[in-house]
N, C-alpha and C. Protein backbone atom coordinates (compact mmCIF):
# COMPACT_ATOMS: atom_id res chain seq x y z
N MET A 1 0.84 -1.17 0.00
CA MET A 1 0.00 0.00 0.00
C MET A 1 0.89 1.24 0.00
N LYS A 2 0.51 2.22 -0.76
CA LYS A 2 1.33 3.42 -0.89
C LYS A 2 0.77 4.53 -0.04
N LYS A 3 1.67 5.30 0.51
CA LYS A 3 1.28 6.49 1.22
C LYS A 3 2.40 7.50 1.10
N SER A 4 2.05 8.76 1.03
CA SER A 4 3.06 9.79 0.99
C SER A 4 2.48 11.07 1.57
N LEU A 5 3.37 11.91 1.97
CA LEU A 5 3.01 13.18 2.57
C LEU A 5 3.94 14.23 1.98
N MET A 6 3.38 15.30 1.48
CA MET A 6 4.17 16.39 0.95
C MET A 6 3.86 17.64 1.77
N VAL A 7 4.90 18.31 2.20
CA VAL A 7 4.73 19.51 3.03
C VAL A 7 5.61 20.62 2.48
N ALA A 8 5.05 21.81 2.45
CA ALA A 8 5.80 23.01 2.06
C ALA A 8 5.81 23.98 3.22
N ALA A 9 6.94 24.59 3.46
CA ALA A 9 7.09 25.69 4.40
C ALA A 9 6.52 25.41 5.78
N LEU A 10 7.16 24.52 6.52
CA LEU A 10 6.81 24.31 7.92
C LEU A 10 7.39 25.47 8.71
N VAL A 11 6.54 26.22 9.38
CA VAL A 11 6.98 27.40 10.13
C VAL A 11 6.47 27.32 11.55
N LEU A 12 7.38 27.40 12.52
CA LEU A 12 7.04 27.41 13.94
C LEU A 12 7.53 28.73 14.51
N THR A 13 6.61 29.57 14.95
CA THR A 13 6.99 30.88 15.47
C THR A 13 6.47 31.07 16.88
N ALA A 14 7.21 31.85 17.66
CA ALA A 14 6.81 32.16 19.04
C ALA A 14 6.12 33.51 19.05
N PHE A 15 5.02 33.61 19.77
CA PHE A 15 4.33 34.88 19.90
C PHE A 15 5.11 35.78 20.84
N GLY A 16 5.10 37.06 20.57
CA GLY A 16 5.78 38.01 21.43
C GLY A 16 7.28 38.05 21.21
N ALA A 17 7.78 37.28 20.27
CA ALA A 17 9.22 37.30 20.00
C ALA A 17 9.58 38.61 19.32
N ALA A 18 10.80 39.04 19.52
CA ALA A 18 11.26 40.29 18.92
C ALA A 18 11.08 40.27 17.41
N GLN A 19 11.32 39.13 16.82
CA GLN A 19 11.06 38.96 15.40
C GLN A 19 10.45 37.59 15.19
N ALA A 20 9.64 37.47 14.19
CA ALA A 20 8.90 36.22 13.95
C ALA A 20 9.75 35.25 13.14
N ASP A 21 10.91 34.88 13.67
CA ASP A 21 11.77 33.93 12.99
C ASP A 21 11.23 32.52 13.13
N ASN A 22 11.45 31.72 12.11
CA ASN A 22 11.06 30.32 12.16
C ASN A 22 11.99 29.60 13.14
N LEU A 23 11.42 28.94 14.12
CA LEU A 23 12.22 28.19 15.09
C LEU A 23 12.79 26.91 14.50
N LEU A 24 12.22 26.45 13.40
CA LEU A 24 12.71 25.25 12.73
C LEU A 24 13.87 25.58 11.81
N THR A 25 14.88 24.76 11.82
CA THR A 25 16.00 24.90 10.89
C THR A 25 15.58 24.32 9.55
N ASN A 26 15.74 25.08 8.50
CA ASN A 26 15.41 24.63 7.15
C ASN A 26 13.92 24.25 7.02
N GLY A 27 13.07 25.00 7.72
CA GLY A 27 11.64 24.75 7.64
C GLY A 27 11.05 25.05 6.27
N ASP A 28 11.78 25.81 5.46
CA ASP A 28 11.33 26.09 4.10
C ASP A 28 11.88 25.09 3.09
N PHE A 29 12.68 24.14 3.55
CA PHE A 29 13.24 23.07 2.72
C PHE A 29 14.10 23.60 1.57
N GLU A 30 14.65 24.80 1.72
CA GLU A 30 15.49 25.36 0.68
C GLU A 30 16.87 24.69 0.64
N LEU A 31 17.28 24.08 1.74
CA LEU A 31 18.54 23.36 1.82
C LEU A 31 18.26 21.86 1.73
N PRO A 32 19.28 21.04 1.50
CA PRO A 32 19.06 19.59 1.50
C PRO A 32 18.41 19.13 2.80
N LEU A 33 17.69 18.02 2.73
CA LEU A 33 16.91 17.55 3.88
C LEU A 33 17.75 17.12 5.07
N ASP A 34 19.05 16.90 4.89
CA ASP A 34 19.88 16.56 6.04
C ASP A 34 20.26 17.79 6.86
N GLN A 35 19.83 18.97 6.41
CA GLN A 35 20.07 20.20 7.15
C GLN A 35 18.87 20.48 8.07
N GLY A 36 19.02 20.15 9.35
CA GLY A 36 17.98 20.41 10.34
C GLY A 36 17.01 19.26 10.54
N TRP A 37 16.90 18.37 9.59
CA TRP A 37 15.91 17.30 9.66
C TRP A 37 16.57 15.95 9.88
N THR A 38 15.89 15.09 10.63
CA THR A 38 16.35 13.72 10.88
C THR A 38 15.47 12.76 10.11
N GLN A 39 16.09 11.91 9.33
CA GLN A 39 15.36 10.89 8.58
C GLN A 39 15.39 9.60 9.39
N ASP A 40 14.22 8.98 9.54
CA ASP A 40 14.10 7.74 10.30
C ASP A 40 13.27 6.76 9.48
N VAL A 41 13.76 5.54 9.37
CA VAL A 41 13.06 4.53 8.58
C VAL A 41 13.06 3.21 9.35
N TYR A 42 11.91 2.57 9.39
CA TYR A 42 11.80 1.20 9.86
C TYR A 42 11.07 0.47 8.76
N SER A 43 11.79 -0.31 7.97
CA SER A 43 11.22 -0.94 6.78
C SER A 43 11.29 -2.45 6.89
N LEU A 44 10.13 -3.07 7.02
CA LEU A 44 10.04 -4.52 7.00
C LEU A 44 9.85 -5.05 5.58
N ALA A 45 9.26 -4.23 4.73
CA ALA A 45 9.02 -4.60 3.34
C ALA A 45 8.79 -3.33 2.53
N GLY A 46 8.96 -3.41 1.24
CA GLY A 46 8.67 -2.28 0.37
C GLY A 46 9.77 -1.25 0.33
N SER A 47 9.47 -0.13 -0.27
CA SER A 47 10.45 0.92 -0.47
C SER A 47 10.05 2.18 0.29
N TYR A 48 10.98 3.12 0.34
CA TYR A 48 10.74 4.42 0.97
C TYR A 48 11.63 5.44 0.27
N ARG A 49 11.27 6.71 0.45
CA ARG A 49 12.15 7.76 -0.04
C ARG A 49 11.76 9.10 0.58
N PHE A 50 12.77 9.96 0.60
CA PHE A 50 12.60 11.34 1.04
C PHE A 50 12.99 12.20 -0.16
N GLU A 51 12.15 13.17 -0.49
CA GLU A 51 12.43 14.00 -1.64
C GLU A 51 12.24 15.47 -1.27
N ARG A 52 12.91 16.31 -2.03
CA ARG A 52 12.79 17.75 -1.89
C ARG A 52 12.73 18.31 -3.30
N ALA A 53 11.68 19.11 -3.58
CA ALA A 53 11.53 19.66 -4.93
C ALA A 53 10.59 20.86 -4.89
N ASP A 54 10.55 21.58 -5.98
CA ASP A 54 9.58 22.68 -6.11
C ASP A 54 8.51 22.30 -7.12
N THR A 55 8.37 21.03 -7.39
CA THR A 55 7.44 20.58 -8.43
C THR A 55 6.38 19.62 -7.91
N PHE A 56 6.06 19.69 -6.64
CA PHE A 56 5.02 18.83 -6.08
C PHE A 56 3.62 19.44 -6.23
N GLY A 57 3.53 20.61 -6.87
CA GLY A 57 2.24 21.23 -7.10
C GLY A 57 1.73 22.10 -5.98
N GLN A 58 2.57 22.38 -5.01
CA GLN A 58 2.15 23.18 -3.85
C GLN A 58 1.88 24.63 -4.25
N GLN A 59 1.01 25.26 -3.49
CA GLN A 59 0.68 26.67 -3.75
C GLN A 59 1.75 27.60 -3.22
N THR A 60 2.39 27.21 -2.13
CA THR A 60 3.45 28.02 -1.55
C THR A 60 4.67 27.98 -2.46
N PRO A 61 5.20 29.14 -2.86
CA PRO A 61 6.38 29.12 -3.72
C PRO A 61 7.58 28.54 -2.98
N GLY A 62 8.50 27.96 -3.73
CA GLY A 62 9.71 27.41 -3.13
C GLY A 62 9.64 25.90 -3.04
N GLN A 63 10.49 25.37 -2.20
CA GLN A 63 10.67 23.93 -2.06
C GLN A 63 9.62 23.30 -1.15
N ALA A 64 9.42 22.01 -1.33
CA ALA A 64 8.57 21.21 -0.45
C ALA A 64 9.31 19.90 -0.20
N ALA A 65 8.93 19.22 0.86
CA ALA A 65 9.52 17.92 1.18
C ALA A 65 8.45 16.84 1.06
N LYS A 66 8.89 15.64 0.68
CA LYS A 66 7.98 14.51 0.53
C LYS A 66 8.56 13.32 1.28
N VAL A 67 7.68 12.66 2.05
CA VAL A 67 8.03 11.40 2.71
C VAL A 67 7.13 10.34 2.10
N TYR A 68 7.74 9.27 1.59
CA TYR A 68 7.00 8.21 0.91
C TYR A 68 7.39 6.87 1.51
N LYS A 69 6.40 6.00 1.75
CA LYS A 69 6.65 4.63 2.21
C LYS A 69 5.67 3.70 1.52
N TYR A 70 6.19 2.63 0.94
CA TYR A 70 5.38 1.59 0.32
C TYR A 70 5.53 0.33 1.16
N LEU A 71 4.41 -0.21 1.63
CA LEU A 71 4.36 -1.40 2.48
C LEU A 71 4.96 -1.13 3.86
N ALA A 72 5.15 -2.20 4.64
CA ALA A 72 5.47 -2.06 6.06
C ALA A 72 6.85 -1.46 6.28
N TYR A 73 6.99 -0.46 7.01
CA TYR A 73 6.40 -0.01 8.22
C TYR A 73 6.29 1.51 8.22
N TYR A 74 7.40 2.25 8.38
CA TYR A 74 7.25 3.71 8.31
C TYR A 74 8.54 4.39 7.85
N ALA A 75 8.36 5.63 7.41
CA ALA A 75 9.46 6.55 7.13
C ALA A 75 9.03 7.89 7.71
N SER A 76 9.97 8.59 8.33
CA SER A 76 9.61 9.90 8.90
C SER A 76 10.77 10.88 8.77
N LEU A 77 10.39 12.13 8.73
CA LEU A 77 11.31 13.26 8.68
C LEU A 77 10.93 14.15 9.86
N SER A 78 11.86 14.38 10.79
CA SER A 78 11.48 15.09 12.01
C SER A 78 12.53 16.09 12.45
N GLN A 79 12.09 16.96 13.35
CA GLN A 79 12.96 17.95 13.96
C GLN A 79 12.39 18.33 15.31
N THR A 80 13.24 18.40 16.33
CA THR A 80 12.83 18.81 17.67
C THR A 80 13.49 20.14 17.98
N VAL A 81 12.69 21.09 18.48
CA VAL A 81 13.21 22.41 18.81
C VAL A 81 12.78 22.82 20.20
N ASP A 82 13.61 23.64 20.84
CA ASP A 82 13.25 24.25 22.11
C ASP A 82 12.28 25.39 21.85
N VAL A 83 11.29 25.53 22.71
CA VAL A 83 10.34 26.64 22.61
C VAL A 83 10.30 27.37 23.94
N PRO A 84 10.07 28.68 23.93
CA PRO A 84 10.05 29.43 25.20
C PRO A 84 8.88 29.01 26.08
N ASP A 85 7.76 28.66 25.45
CA ASP A 85 6.55 28.19 26.13
C ASP A 85 5.60 27.67 25.06
N ALA A 86 4.38 27.34 25.46
CA ALA A 86 3.42 26.78 24.49
C ALA A 86 2.76 27.85 23.63
N ASP A 87 3.10 29.10 23.81
CA ASP A 87 2.51 30.18 23.04
C ASP A 87 3.23 30.31 21.70
N VAL A 88 3.11 29.26 20.89
CA VAL A 88 3.73 29.20 19.57
C VAL A 88 2.69 28.79 18.54
N GLN A 89 3.01 29.04 17.30
CA GLN A 89 2.12 28.70 16.19
C GLN A 89 2.89 27.89 15.17
N LEU A 90 2.30 26.79 14.72
CA LEU A 90 2.87 25.99 13.63
C LEU A 90 1.98 26.17 12.42
N SER A 91 2.58 26.46 11.28
CA SER A 91 1.81 26.56 10.04
C SER A 91 2.55 25.80 8.95
N PHE A 92 1.77 25.19 8.07
CA PHE A 92 2.35 24.48 6.95
C PHE A 92 1.28 24.24 5.89
N ASP A 93 1.74 24.07 4.66
CA ASP A 93 0.88 23.59 3.58
C ASP A 93 1.17 22.11 3.44
N GLY A 94 0.13 21.30 3.38
CA GLY A 94 0.33 19.86 3.28
C GLY A 94 -0.59 19.20 2.29
N ARG A 95 -0.10 18.11 1.73
CA ARG A 95 -0.89 17.28 0.83
C ARG A 95 -0.71 15.83 1.29
N PHE A 96 -1.80 15.19 1.68
CA PHE A 96 -1.78 13.85 2.24
C PHE A 96 -2.35 12.87 1.22
N ILE A 97 -1.62 11.78 0.93
CA ILE A 97 -2.06 10.82 -0.06
C ILE A 97 -1.86 9.40 0.49
N ILE A 98 -2.89 8.56 0.33
CA ILE A 98 -2.74 7.13 0.58
C ILE A 98 -3.44 6.40 -0.56
N ILE A 99 -2.91 5.23 -0.89
CA ILE A 99 -3.51 4.41 -1.95
C ILE A 99 -3.60 2.99 -1.43
N GLY A 100 -4.77 2.44 -1.47
CA GLY A 100 -4.95 1.06 -1.05
C GLY A 100 -5.27 0.94 0.43
N GLY A 101 -5.25 -0.26 0.89
CA GLY A 101 -5.52 -0.54 2.29
C GLY A 101 -6.46 -1.71 2.44
N SER A 102 -6.29 -2.42 3.55
CA SER A 102 -7.16 -3.54 3.90
C SER A 102 -7.16 -3.67 5.41
N SER A 103 -7.89 -4.65 5.92
CA SER A 103 -7.93 -4.83 7.37
C SER A 103 -6.59 -5.28 7.93
N THR A 104 -5.71 -5.81 7.10
CA THR A 104 -4.40 -6.25 7.57
C THR A 104 -3.26 -5.36 7.08
N CYS A 105 -3.57 -4.37 6.28
CA CYS A 105 -2.54 -3.51 5.70
C CYS A 105 -3.12 -2.11 5.51
N TRP A 106 -3.04 -1.28 6.58
CA TRP A 106 -3.67 0.03 6.47
C TRP A 106 -2.64 1.17 6.54
N PRO A 107 -2.62 1.97 5.47
CA PRO A 107 -1.68 3.09 5.41
C PRO A 107 -2.23 4.35 6.08
N VAL A 108 -1.30 5.19 6.53
CA VAL A 108 -1.63 6.49 7.12
C VAL A 108 -0.54 7.48 6.71
N ALA A 109 -0.95 8.68 6.32
CA ALA A 109 -0.02 9.80 6.11
C ALA A 109 -0.32 10.81 7.21
N ALA A 110 0.72 11.33 7.88
CA ALA A 110 0.47 12.18 9.04
C ALA A 110 1.58 13.20 9.27
N VAL A 111 1.19 14.28 9.94
CA VAL A 111 2.14 15.20 10.54
C VAL A 111 1.86 15.17 12.04
N PHE A 112 2.85 14.72 12.80
CA PHE A 112 2.75 14.71 14.26
C PHE A 112 3.33 16.00 14.82
N VAL A 113 2.67 16.55 15.82
CA VAL A 113 3.22 17.65 16.59
C VAL A 113 3.30 17.12 18.02
N HIS A 114 4.51 16.75 18.43
CA HIS A 114 4.74 16.17 19.75
C HIS A 114 5.06 17.29 20.74
N TYR A 115 4.42 17.28 21.89
CA TYR A 115 4.69 18.24 22.95
C TYR A 115 5.55 17.55 23.99
N LEU A 116 6.72 18.13 24.26
CA LEU A 116 7.71 17.51 25.14
C LEU A 116 8.06 18.45 26.30
N ASP A 117 8.48 17.87 27.43
CA ASP A 117 8.94 18.69 28.54
C ASP A 117 10.42 19.05 28.35
N MET A 118 11.01 19.70 29.33
CA MET A 118 12.39 20.18 29.22
C MET A 118 13.37 19.02 28.95
N ALA A 119 13.10 17.85 29.53
CA ALA A 119 13.98 16.69 29.34
C ALA A 119 13.72 15.96 28.03
N GLY A 120 12.70 16.37 27.29
CA GLY A 120 12.36 15.70 26.03
C GLY A 120 11.38 14.56 26.21
N SER A 121 10.81 14.42 27.40
CA SER A 121 9.81 13.37 27.64
C SER A 121 8.47 13.78 27.04
N PRO A 122 7.74 12.83 26.46
CA PRO A 122 6.47 13.16 25.81
C PRO A 122 5.38 13.53 26.80
N LEU A 123 4.63 14.58 26.44
CA LEU A 123 3.47 15.02 27.22
C LEU A 123 2.18 14.72 26.48
N GLY A 124 2.21 14.84 25.16
CA GLY A 124 1.02 14.62 24.33
C GLY A 124 1.35 14.98 22.90
N ARG A 125 0.33 14.90 22.04
CA ARG A 125 0.58 15.23 20.64
C ARG A 125 -0.72 15.53 19.91
N THR A 126 -0.56 16.30 18.84
CA THR A 126 -1.62 16.55 17.88
C THR A 126 -1.20 15.86 16.59
N VAL A 127 -2.16 15.20 15.94
CA VAL A 127 -1.84 14.44 14.73
C VAL A 127 -2.76 14.91 13.60
N PHE A 128 -2.17 15.52 12.58
CA PHE A 128 -2.87 15.81 11.33
C PHE A 128 -2.71 14.54 10.51
N TYR A 129 -3.83 13.88 10.11
CA TYR A 129 -3.63 12.59 9.47
C TYR A 129 -4.72 12.26 8.45
N LEU A 130 -4.31 11.42 7.50
CA LEU A 130 -5.21 10.85 6.51
C LEU A 130 -5.07 9.34 6.67
N PRO A 131 -6.09 8.67 7.25
CA PRO A 131 -6.01 7.23 7.47
C PRO A 131 -6.77 6.45 6.40
N SER A 132 -6.44 5.17 6.28
CA SER A 132 -7.30 4.27 5.53
C SER A 132 -8.48 3.93 6.44
N PRO A 133 -9.55 3.35 5.89
CA PRO A 133 -10.73 3.04 6.72
C PRO A 133 -10.44 2.07 7.87
N TYR A 134 -9.36 1.32 7.78
CA TYR A 134 -9.07 0.31 8.80
C TYR A 134 -8.14 0.81 9.90
N CYS A 135 -7.69 2.04 9.81
CA CYS A 135 -6.79 2.60 10.81
C CYS A 135 -7.45 2.55 12.19
N ASN A 136 -6.69 2.14 13.19
CA ASN A 136 -7.24 2.02 14.54
C ASN A 136 -6.70 3.06 15.52
N TRP A 137 -6.13 4.15 15.04
CA TRP A 137 -5.65 5.20 15.92
C TRP A 137 -6.85 5.85 16.61
N VAL A 138 -6.70 6.17 17.89
CA VAL A 138 -7.79 6.77 18.66
C VAL A 138 -7.28 7.98 19.44
N GLU A 139 -8.21 8.86 19.73
CA GLU A 139 -7.90 10.02 20.56
C GLU A 139 -7.88 9.63 22.03
N SER A 140 -7.23 10.48 22.81
CA SER A 140 -7.21 10.32 24.26
C SER A 140 -7.07 11.72 24.87
N ASP A 141 -6.89 11.77 26.17
CA ASP A 141 -6.68 13.06 26.84
C ASP A 141 -5.36 13.71 26.46
N SER A 142 -4.46 12.93 25.85
CA SER A 142 -3.16 13.48 25.46
C SER A 142 -2.87 13.35 23.96
N VAL A 143 -3.85 12.86 23.18
CA VAL A 143 -3.69 12.74 21.73
C VAL A 143 -4.94 13.30 21.05
N HIS A 144 -4.74 14.28 20.17
CA HIS A 144 -5.84 14.85 19.40
C HIS A 144 -5.60 14.57 17.92
N LEU A 145 -6.57 13.92 17.28
CA LEU A 145 -6.48 13.59 15.86
C LEU A 145 -7.25 14.61 15.03
N ARG A 146 -6.61 15.11 13.97
CA ARG A 146 -7.25 16.04 13.04
C ARG A 146 -7.26 15.41 11.65
N LEU A 147 -8.44 15.03 11.20
CA LEU A 147 -8.60 14.34 9.92
C LEU A 147 -8.36 15.32 8.76
N MET A 148 -7.54 14.89 7.79
CA MET A 148 -7.19 15.72 6.65
C MET A 148 -7.92 15.24 5.39
N ASN A 149 -8.03 16.12 4.43
CA ASN A 149 -8.60 15.77 3.13
C ASN A 149 -7.54 15.09 2.28
N ALA A 150 -7.97 14.23 1.39
CA ALA A 150 -7.04 13.46 0.56
C ALA A 150 -6.66 14.20 -0.71
N GLY A 151 -5.35 14.22 -0.97
CA GLY A 151 -4.84 14.60 -2.28
C GLY A 151 -4.85 16.06 -2.66
N VAL A 152 -5.23 16.96 -1.77
CA VAL A 152 -5.26 18.38 -2.11
C VAL A 152 -4.31 19.15 -1.19
N TRP A 153 -3.67 20.16 -1.74
CA TRP A 153 -2.83 21.03 -0.93
C TRP A 153 -3.73 21.92 -0.09
N GLU A 154 -3.46 21.96 1.22
CA GLU A 154 -4.23 22.81 2.13
C GLU A 154 -3.29 23.45 3.15
N GLU A 155 -3.65 24.66 3.54
CA GLU A 155 -2.89 25.36 4.57
C GLU A 155 -3.43 24.95 5.94
N HIS A 156 -2.52 24.70 6.86
CA HIS A 156 -2.89 24.31 8.22
C HIS A 156 -2.18 25.23 9.21
N VAL A 157 -2.91 25.67 10.23
CA VAL A 157 -2.34 26.52 11.27
C VAL A 157 -2.75 25.93 12.61
N LEU A 158 -1.77 25.78 13.51
CA LEU A 158 -2.01 25.23 14.83
C LEU A 158 -1.47 26.20 15.87
N TYR A 159 -2.36 26.72 16.70
CA TYR A 159 -1.97 27.55 17.84
C TYR A 159 -1.82 26.60 19.02
N VAL A 160 -0.60 26.32 19.41
CA VAL A 160 -0.31 25.25 20.35
C VAL A 160 -0.99 25.45 21.70
N ALA A 161 -0.89 26.62 22.31
CA ALA A 161 -1.51 26.83 23.63
C ALA A 161 -3.02 26.62 23.57
N GLU A 162 -3.64 27.11 22.51
CA GLU A 162 -5.09 26.93 22.32
C GLU A 162 -5.43 25.46 22.09
N GLU A 163 -4.63 24.77 21.29
CA GLU A 163 -4.84 23.34 21.03
C GLU A 163 -4.79 22.53 22.33
N ILE A 164 -3.79 22.82 23.14
CA ILE A 164 -3.65 22.10 24.42
C ILE A 164 -4.84 22.40 25.32
N ARG A 165 -5.20 23.66 25.44
CA ARG A 165 -6.31 24.06 26.31
C ARG A 165 -7.63 23.42 25.87
N ASP A 166 -7.89 23.41 24.57
CA ASP A 166 -9.19 22.97 24.07
C ASP A 166 -9.30 21.46 23.83
N ASN A 167 -8.19 20.77 23.60
CA ASN A 167 -8.28 19.38 23.14
C ASN A 167 -7.42 18.37 23.88
N LEU A 168 -6.54 18.82 24.76
CA LEU A 168 -5.62 17.90 25.41
C LEU A 168 -5.61 18.11 26.93
N PRO A 169 -6.65 17.69 27.64
CA PRO A 169 -6.75 17.96 29.07
C PRO A 169 -5.66 17.32 29.92
N ALA A 170 -4.99 16.30 29.43
CA ALA A 170 -3.92 15.65 30.20
C ALA A 170 -2.58 16.36 30.05
N VAL A 171 -2.51 17.36 29.18
CA VAL A 171 -1.26 18.07 28.92
C VAL A 171 -1.31 19.44 29.59
N SER A 172 -0.28 19.78 30.32
CA SER A 172 -0.16 21.11 30.91
C SER A 172 0.68 21.98 29.98
N ALA A 173 0.08 23.04 29.47
CA ALA A 173 0.79 23.94 28.55
C ALA A 173 2.05 24.51 29.20
N GLY A 174 2.02 24.69 30.51
CA GLY A 174 3.18 25.22 31.23
C GLY A 174 4.38 24.30 31.24
N ASP A 175 4.16 23.02 30.95
CA ASP A 175 5.27 22.05 30.94
C ASP A 175 5.93 21.91 29.57
N VAL A 176 5.32 22.45 28.52
CA VAL A 176 5.85 22.30 27.16
C VAL A 176 7.07 23.19 26.98
N ARG A 177 8.22 22.56 26.71
CA ARG A 177 9.47 23.28 26.48
C ARG A 177 10.16 22.88 25.18
N LYS A 178 9.64 21.83 24.55
CA LYS A 178 10.17 21.38 23.26
C LYS A 178 8.99 20.94 22.40
N ILE A 179 9.15 21.09 21.11
CA ILE A 179 8.16 20.57 20.16
C ILE A 179 8.91 19.79 19.10
N LYS A 180 8.40 18.60 18.83
CA LYS A 180 8.95 17.78 17.74
C LYS A 180 7.91 17.75 16.63
N VAL A 181 8.31 18.17 15.45
CA VAL A 181 7.46 18.12 14.27
C VAL A 181 7.94 16.94 13.44
N GLU A 182 6.99 16.07 13.03
CA GLU A 182 7.37 14.86 12.33
C GLU A 182 6.43 14.59 11.14
N MET A 183 6.99 14.52 9.96
CA MET A 183 6.26 14.07 8.78
C MET A 183 6.37 12.56 8.75
N PHE A 184 5.24 11.85 8.62
CA PHE A 184 5.21 10.41 8.88
C PHE A 184 4.38 9.68 7.83
N ALA A 185 4.98 8.70 7.16
CA ALA A 185 4.27 7.83 6.22
C ALA A 185 4.35 6.43 6.80
N TYR A 186 3.18 5.78 6.99
CA TYR A 186 3.10 4.54 7.76
C TYR A 186 2.22 3.51 7.07
N ASP A 187 2.57 2.26 7.24
CA ASP A 187 1.71 1.15 6.84
C ASP A 187 2.01 0.00 7.79
N ASN A 188 0.97 -0.59 8.36
CA ASN A 188 1.19 -1.61 9.38
C ASN A 188 1.46 -3.00 8.80
N GLY A 189 1.31 -3.21 7.50
CA GLY A 189 1.49 -4.55 6.97
C GLY A 189 1.97 -4.57 5.53
N THR A 190 1.89 -5.76 4.92
CA THR A 190 2.40 -5.90 3.55
C THR A 190 1.32 -6.36 2.60
């Protein structure tokens, strides 16, 4: 089963900062993907790839990144940054695509926003995702799922403090000191 995720211009900014600089290194993907981003792959079967181009059809001018995984298990592109507090905003243009799926082989394309404490321990997460019908991911007091549309470029904006307050009762916004952004292409089977 095929799944891929294309993202253009991931921008994480802190409110009240002297200047609205992107806290992410190479969030515009203008440099090679090994600049600021960590590639992680767990492949039991099939292929994977990470790509950077300006020809993925995105509306945002400039480069975009693509994470692709065919069959089991996952490929991800991630970056963890220190934040002054939870009063930050993440914005990105994304296009989520999955093809195929069954009860034993269900693909998911996702962008995870992990909320971490000072030591890097997980507190909770928000997941922008496009699942197959068989996906069994569920929400909890520390996980909020946001269903995405298939195959179209869309702009997404996440106000972290508001997201935590409104959707993640098990997470204390005051404890958030790091955020990990992760582009994730997943399939549980072959």
